[in-house]
Amino acid sequence: MRITNERKAKVNDSCNVEPIIQTPSEEEKNLVKFLYLVTSGLNCPNCAMRVRNALISTSGIIDVKIDYFDGMTEVTYIPSFIEPSTVPDLISKAGNGAHHQYSAQIIG
């Protein structure tokens, strides 16, 4: 199947994801812990941003750093708000199943 330049533009535009900005309070900064995960299926910066935004939108997660190239993710969270074992499932759901399939495993 031949993809025209017009279609390429539409495909690329539909995958663009803008970052959600969240600023934790000083109190939140004092309560944080870090979670480290190995992630797969994040093949571009937009995939990483999609996962980051899904996590940042979750109560108790205050920062996310994703290196999609190396497959590493660092999640800064407040333990009283979120159970770390739920994060891999949140990452999987961020792909919405069909076109994007993400997975994650906690390593620390």
Protein backbone atom coordinates (compact mmCIF):
# COMPACT_ATOMS: atom_id res chain seq x y z
CA MET A 1 0.00 0.00 0.00
CA ARG A 2 1.37 3.37 -0.98
CA ILE A 3 1.04 6.18 1.55
CA THR A 4 0.82 9.64 0.08
CA ASN A 5 2.42 12.69 1.70
CA GLU A 6 -1.07 13.94 2.58
CA ARG A 7 -1.87 10.68 4.36
CA LYS A 8 1.51 10.69 6.14
CA ALA A 9 0.74 14.13 7.50
CA LYS A 10 -2.62 12.94 8.79
CA VAL A 11 -1.07 9.87 10.43
CA ASN A 12 1.64 11.94 12.10
CA ASP A 13 -0.79 14.69 13.18
CA SER A 14 -3.19 12.20 14.75
CA CYS A 15 -0.39 10.75 16.84
CA ASN A 16 0.83 14.10 18.21
CA VAL A 17 0.43 14.37 21.98
CA GLU A 18 0.89 17.59 23.95
CA PRO A 19 2.27 17.37 27.51
CA ILE A 20 0.14 17.85 30.59
CA ILE A 21 1.85 20.19 33.04
CA GLN A 22 1.53 19.51 36.75
CA THR A 23 3.35 21.32 39.55
CA PRO A 24 3.50 19.55 42.92
CA SER A 25 3.18 21.54 46.13
CA GLU A 26 6.09 21.71 48.60
CA GLU A 27 4.17 19.35 50.90
CA GLU A 28 3.76 16.83 48.08
CA LYS A 29 7.47 17.03 47.27
CA ASN A 30 8.27 15.94 50.84
CA LEU A 31 6.07 12.81 50.63
CA VAL A 32 7.27 11.33 47.35
CA LYS A 33 8.78 7.98 46.52
CA PHE A 34 10.18 6.75 43.23
CA LEU A 35 9.14 3.77 41.14
CA TYR A 36 11.27 2.40 38.31
CA LEU A 37 9.86 0.35 35.44
CA VAL A 38 10.99 -1.30 32.23
CA THR A 39 8.53 -0.36 29.49
CA SER A 40 7.94 -1.72 26.02
CA GLY A 41 5.87 -0.66 23.03
CA LEU A 42 6.80 3.02 23.34
CA ASN A 43 8.36 3.54 19.94
CA CYS A 44 8.39 7.32 19.62
CA PRO A 45 8.23 10.55 21.65
CA ASN A 46 4.44 10.69 21.16
CA CYS A 47 4.01 7.22 22.68
CA ALA A 48 6.11 8.31 25.66
CA MET A 49 4.06 11.50 26.03
CA ARG A 50 0.80 9.55 25.82
CA VAL A 51 1.92 7.29 28.69
CA ARG A 52 3.32 10.22 30.66
CA ASN A 53 0.06 12.15 30.36
CA ALA A 54 -2.00 9.12 31.42
CA LEU A 55 0.17 8.67 34.50
CA ILE A 56 0.36 12.39 35.38
CA SER A 57 -3.45 12.51 35.22
CA THR A 58 -3.64 9.86 37.95
CA SER A 59 -4.11 11.07 41.51
CA GLY A 60 -0.91 10.57 43.50
CA ILE A 61 1.51 10.61 40.56
CA ILE A 62 3.33 13.91 40.44
CA ASP A 63 6.08 13.37 37.88
CA VAL A 64 7.03 10.90 35.16
CA LYS A 65 10.25 10.61 33.19
CA ILE A 66 10.30 8.22 30.25
CA ASP A 67 13.26 7.18 28.15
CA TYR A 68 11.42 5.39 25.34
CA PHE A 69 14.67 4.57 23.55
CA ASP A 70 16.08 2.57 26.49
CA GLY A 71 12.65 1.47 27.76
CA MET A 72 13.04 2.96 31.23
CA THR A 73 10.45 4.92 33.19
CA GLU A 74 10.73 6.75 36.52
CA VAL A 75 7.49 7.61 38.33
CA THR A 76 7.43 10.04 41.25
CA TYR A 77 4.42 9.28 43.42
CA ILE A 78 2.82 9.79 46.83
CA PRO A 79 2.31 6.37 48.47
CA SER A 80 -0.80 7.38 50.42
CA PHE A 81 -2.59 8.16 47.12
CA ILE A 82 -1.58 5.32 44.80
CA GLU A 83 -0.40 1.73 45.10
CA PRO A 84 2.74 1.31 42.95
CA SER A 85 1.62 -2.13 41.76
CA THR A 86 -1.19 -0.45 39.77
CA VAL A 87 1.19 1.57 37.58
CA PRO A 88 1.98 -1.15 35.00
CA ASP A 89 -1.75 -1.55 34.32
CA LEU A 90 -2.12 2.23 33.91
CA ILE A 91 0.68 2.13 31.33
CA SER A 92 -1.00 -0.72 29.43
CA LYS A 93 -4.32 1.13 29.38
CA ALA A 94 -2.66 4.31 28.06
CA GLY A 95 -2.31 2.63 24.66
CA ASN A 96 -6.08 2.19 24.33
CA GLY A 97 -5.51 -1.37 23.15
CA ALA A 98 -5.84 -1.24 19.39
CA HIS A 99 -3.07 0.76 17.74
CA HIS A 100 -0.72 1.27 20.67
CA GLN A 101 0.15 -1.65 22.95
CA TYR A 102 2.31 -0.79 25.91
CA SER A 103 3.53 -2.90 28.79
CA ALA A 104 5.61 -2.32 31.89
CA GLN A 105 7.30 -4.24 34.67
CA ILE A 106 8.39 -2.81 38.01
CA ILE A 107 12.12 -3.17 38.64
CA GLY A 108 12.53 -1.01 41.72
